[in-house]
């Protein structure tokens, strides 16, 4: 039976107290490291047309996308 899992996320808090998630997605058999940041409340409208979270490719400590 094929697994329905396509990735994992971990809840974290940055050094300056900002909550975020880090994790990985499996896309076409390859693992892609990602981070997700909560959009600022003033960017989220009452019609829910803007997402609450933004997902980006993760960067290592030297700033290289991994």
Protein backbone atom coordinates (compact mmCIF):
# COMPACT_ATOMS: atom_id res chain seq x y z
CA UNK A 1 0.00 0.00 0.00
CA UNK A 2 1.31 3.43 -0.96
CA UNK A 3 2.01 5.84 1.88
CA UNK A 4 -0.02 9.06 1.93
CA UNK A 5 2.76 10.90 3.78
CA UNK A 6 4.44 13.64 1.72
CA UNK A 7 6.52 15.30 4.43
CA UNK A 8 6.89 16.43 8.02
CA UNK A 9 6.92 19.71 9.99
CA UNK A 10 8.34 20.67 13.38
CA UNK A 11 7.16 23.69 15.38
CA UNK A 12 10.03 25.94 16.47
CA UNK A 13 10.71 29.42 17.82
CA UNK A 14 13.46 31.68 16.48
CA UNK A 15 16.06 33.32 18.74
CA UNK A 16 13.98 36.52 18.74
CA UNK A 17 10.75 34.70 19.67
CA UNK A 18 9.09 34.31 16.25
CA UNK A 19 7.23 31.01 15.84
CA UNK A 20 7.90 29.07 12.63
CA UNK A 21 7.91 25.52 11.29
CA UNK A 22 10.73 23.66 9.62
CA UNK A 23 10.54 20.40 7.80
CA UNK A 24 10.68 18.58 4.54
CA UNK A 25 8.50 17.64 1.61
CA UNK A 26 9.02 14.65 -0.64
CA UNK A 27 8.55 15.78 -4.25
CA UNK A 28 9.06 13.25 -7.08
CA UNK A 29 11.08 11.07 -4.71
CA UNK A 30 13.40 13.90 -3.63
CA UNK A 31 13.42 15.51 -0.19
CA UNK A 32 13.11 19.31 -0.17
CA UNK A 33 13.88 21.14 3.09
CA UNK A 34 11.35 23.89 3.87
CA UNK A 35 10.48 26.53 6.46
CA UNK A 36 7.07 28.10 7.08
CA UNK A 37 6.50 31.54 8.59
CA UNK A 38 3.21 32.96 9.84
CA UNK A 39 2.07 36.01 7.87
CA UNK A 40 1.60 39.16 9.90
CA UNK A 41 -1.97 39.55 11.11
CA UNK A 42 -2.44 42.82 9.23
CA UNK A 43 -1.68 40.96 5.96
CA UNK A 44 -4.52 38.49 6.54
CA UNK A 45 -7.90 39.83 5.41
CA UNK A 46 -11.34 38.86 6.67
CA UNK A 47 -12.14 37.01 3.44
CA UNK A 48 -9.26 34.54 3.97
CA UNK A 49 -7.80 35.32 0.54
CA UNK A 50 -4.29 35.57 1.95
CA UNK A 51 -2.67 32.54 3.59
CA UNK A 52 -1.85 32.43 7.28
CA UNK A 53 1.49 30.68 6.57
CA UNK A 54 4.12 31.16 3.84
CA UNK A 55 6.36 28.23 2.84
CA UNK A 56 9.89 28.73 1.51
CA UNK A 57 12.81 26.51 0.62
CA UNK A 58 15.14 26.27 3.59
CA UNK A 59 18.60 27.84 3.57
CA UNK A 60 21.60 26.53 5.46
CA UNK A 61 23.62 28.74 7.81
CA UNK A 62 25.73 30.04 4.89
CA UNK A 63 22.57 31.14 3.04
CA UNK A 64 22.61 28.37 0.45
CA UNK A 65 19.24 26.89 -0.52
CA UNK A 66 19.05 23.23 0.45
